[in-house]
């Protein structure tokens, strides 16, 4: 996979040493902590969770009208 060197990525905190690590890095350069890669099932569950929350939000809004 080719990564655009000019693109700015967000950062996430390493649970091992609390350093900010760019989101495109899978390993902390300080302590070597390896961030877990989400499985396809986890990605789908995240999507379904978001869709369910959206549906609940819409139901609540429609009941208030």
C-alpha atoms as a PDB file:
ATOM      1  CA  UNK A   1       0.000   0.000   0.000  1.00  0.00           C
ATOM      2  CA  UNK A   2       1.389   3.360  -1.001  1.00  0.00           C
ATOM      3  CA  UNK A   3       1.238   6.106   1.626  1.00  0.00           C
ATOM      4  CA  UNK A   4       1.148   9.751   0.637  1.00  0.00           C
ATOM      5  CA  UNK A   5       4.077  11.356   2.466  1.00  0.00           C
ATOM      6  CA  UNK A   6       2.511  14.827   2.291  1.00  0.00           C
ATOM      7  CA  UNK A   7      -0.822  13.806   3.836  1.00  0.00           C
ATOM      8  CA  UNK A   8      -1.242  14.697   7.488  1.00  0.00           C
ATOM      9  CA  UNK A   9      -2.650  11.978   9.692  1.00  0.00           C
ATOM     10  CA  UNK A  10      -4.220  12.355  13.097  1.00  0.00           C
ATOM     11  CA  UNK A  11      -2.544  10.941  16.148  1.00  0.00           C
ATOM     12  CA  UNK A  12      -3.463   8.508  18.893  1.00  0.00           C
ATOM     13  CA  UNK A  13      -2.029   7.999  22.339  1.00  0.00           C
ATOM     14  CA  UNK A  14       0.110   4.959  22.951  1.00  0.00           C
ATOM     15  CA  UNK A  15      -1.209   2.992  25.955  1.00  0.00           C
ATOM     16  CA  UNK A  16       2.329   1.835  26.713  1.00  0.00           C
ATOM     17  CA  UNK A  17       4.137   5.165  27.073  1.00  0.00           C
ATOM     18  CA  UNK A  18       1.484   7.887  26.495  1.00  0.00           C
ATOM     19  CA  UNK A  19       3.289   9.322  23.458  1.00  0.00           C
ATOM     20  CA  UNK A  20       1.310  10.684  20.511  1.00  0.00           C
ATOM     21  CA  UNK A  21       1.757   8.282  17.606  1.00  0.00           C
ATOM     22  CA  UNK A  22       0.583   9.069  14.044  1.00  0.00           C
ATOM     23  CA  UNK A  23      -2.502   7.045  13.136  1.00  0.00           C
ATOM     24  CA  UNK A  24      -0.771   5.532  10.115  1.00  0.00           C
ATOM     25  CA  UNK A  25       1.877   3.892  12.354  1.00  0.00           C
ATOM     26  CA  UNK A  26       1.005   0.450  13.708  1.00  0.00           C
ATOM     27  CA  UNK A  27       3.881   0.502  16.189  1.00  0.00           C
ATOM     28  CA  UNK A  28       4.970   3.101  18.736  1.00  0.00           C
ATOM     29  CA  UNK A  29       8.471   4.355  17.852  1.00  0.00           C
ATOM     30  CA  UNK A  30       9.297   4.910  21.546  1.00  0.00           C
ATOM     31  CA  UNK A  31       8.238   1.737  23.389  1.00  0.00           C
ATOM     32  CA  UNK A  32       7.412  -0.595  20.473  1.00  0.00           C
ATOM     33  CA  UNK A  33       3.745  -1.132  21.423  1.00  0.00           C
ATOM     34  CA  UNK A  34       1.889  -2.703  18.489  1.00  0.00           C
ATOM     35  CA  UNK A  35      -1.587  -1.311  17.885  1.00  0.00           C
ATOM     36  CA  UNK A  36      -4.071  -4.089  17.110  1.00  0.00           C
ATOM     37  CA  UNK A  37      -5.526  -4.217  13.615  1.00  0.00           C
ATOM     38  CA  UNK A  38      -9.324  -4.375  13.644  1.00  0.00           C
ATOM     39  CA  UNK A  39     -10.805  -7.508  12.130  1.00  0.00           C
ATOM     40  CA  UNK A  40     -13.458  -7.238   9.399  1.00  0.00           C
ATOM     41  CA  UNK A  41     -16.070  -8.281  11.976  1.00  0.00           C
ATOM     42  CA  UNK A  42     -15.050  -5.417  14.286  1.00  0.00           C
ATOM     43  CA  UNK A  43     -15.300  -2.952  11.392  1.00  0.00           C
ATOM     44  CA  UNK A  44     -18.804  -4.190  10.553  1.00  0.00           C
ATOM     45  CA  UNK A  45     -19.897  -4.040  14.203  1.00  0.00           C
ATOM     46  CA  UNK A  46     -18.740  -0.440  14.394  1.00  0.00           C
ATOM     47  CA  UNK A  47     -20.779   0.412  11.292  1.00  0.00           C
ATOM     48  CA  UNK A  48     -23.893  -1.365  12.597  1.00  0.00           C
ATOM     49  CA  UNK A  49     -23.518   0.365  15.966  1.00  0.00           C
ATOM     50  CA  UNK A  50     -23.405   3.753  14.260  1.00  0.00           C
ATOM     51  CA  UNK A  51     -26.479   2.916  12.156  1.00  0.00           C
ATOM     52  CA  UNK A  52     -28.438   1.767  15.215  1.00  0.00           C
ATOM     53  CA  UNK A  53     -27.518   4.937  17.118  1.00  0.00           C
ATOM     54  CA  UNK A  54     -28.628   7.032  14.143  1.00  0.00           C
ATOM     55  CA  UNK A  55     -31.950   5.179  13.992  1.00  0.00           C
ATOM     56  CA  UNK A  56     -32.546   5.706  17.725  1.00  0.00           C
ATOM     57  CA  UNK A  57     -31.687   9.382  17.379  1.00  0.00           C
ATOM     58  CA  UNK A  58     -34.144   9.794  14.493  1.00  0.00           C
ATOM     59  CA  UNK A  59     -36.915   8.010  16.403  1.00  0.00           C
ATOM     60  CA  UNK A  60     -36.405  10.276  19.413  1.00  0.00           C
ATOM     61  CA  UNK A  61     -36.421  13.411  17.251  1.00  0.00           C
ATOM     62  CA  UNK A  62     -39.557  12.329  15.373  1.00  0.00           C
ATOM     63  CA  UNK A  63     -41.401  11.646  18.646  1.00  0.00           C
ATOM     64  CA  UNK A  64     -40.580  15.153  19.878  1.00  0.00           C
ATOM     65  CA  UNK A  65     -42.137  16.763  16.801  1.00  0.00           C
END
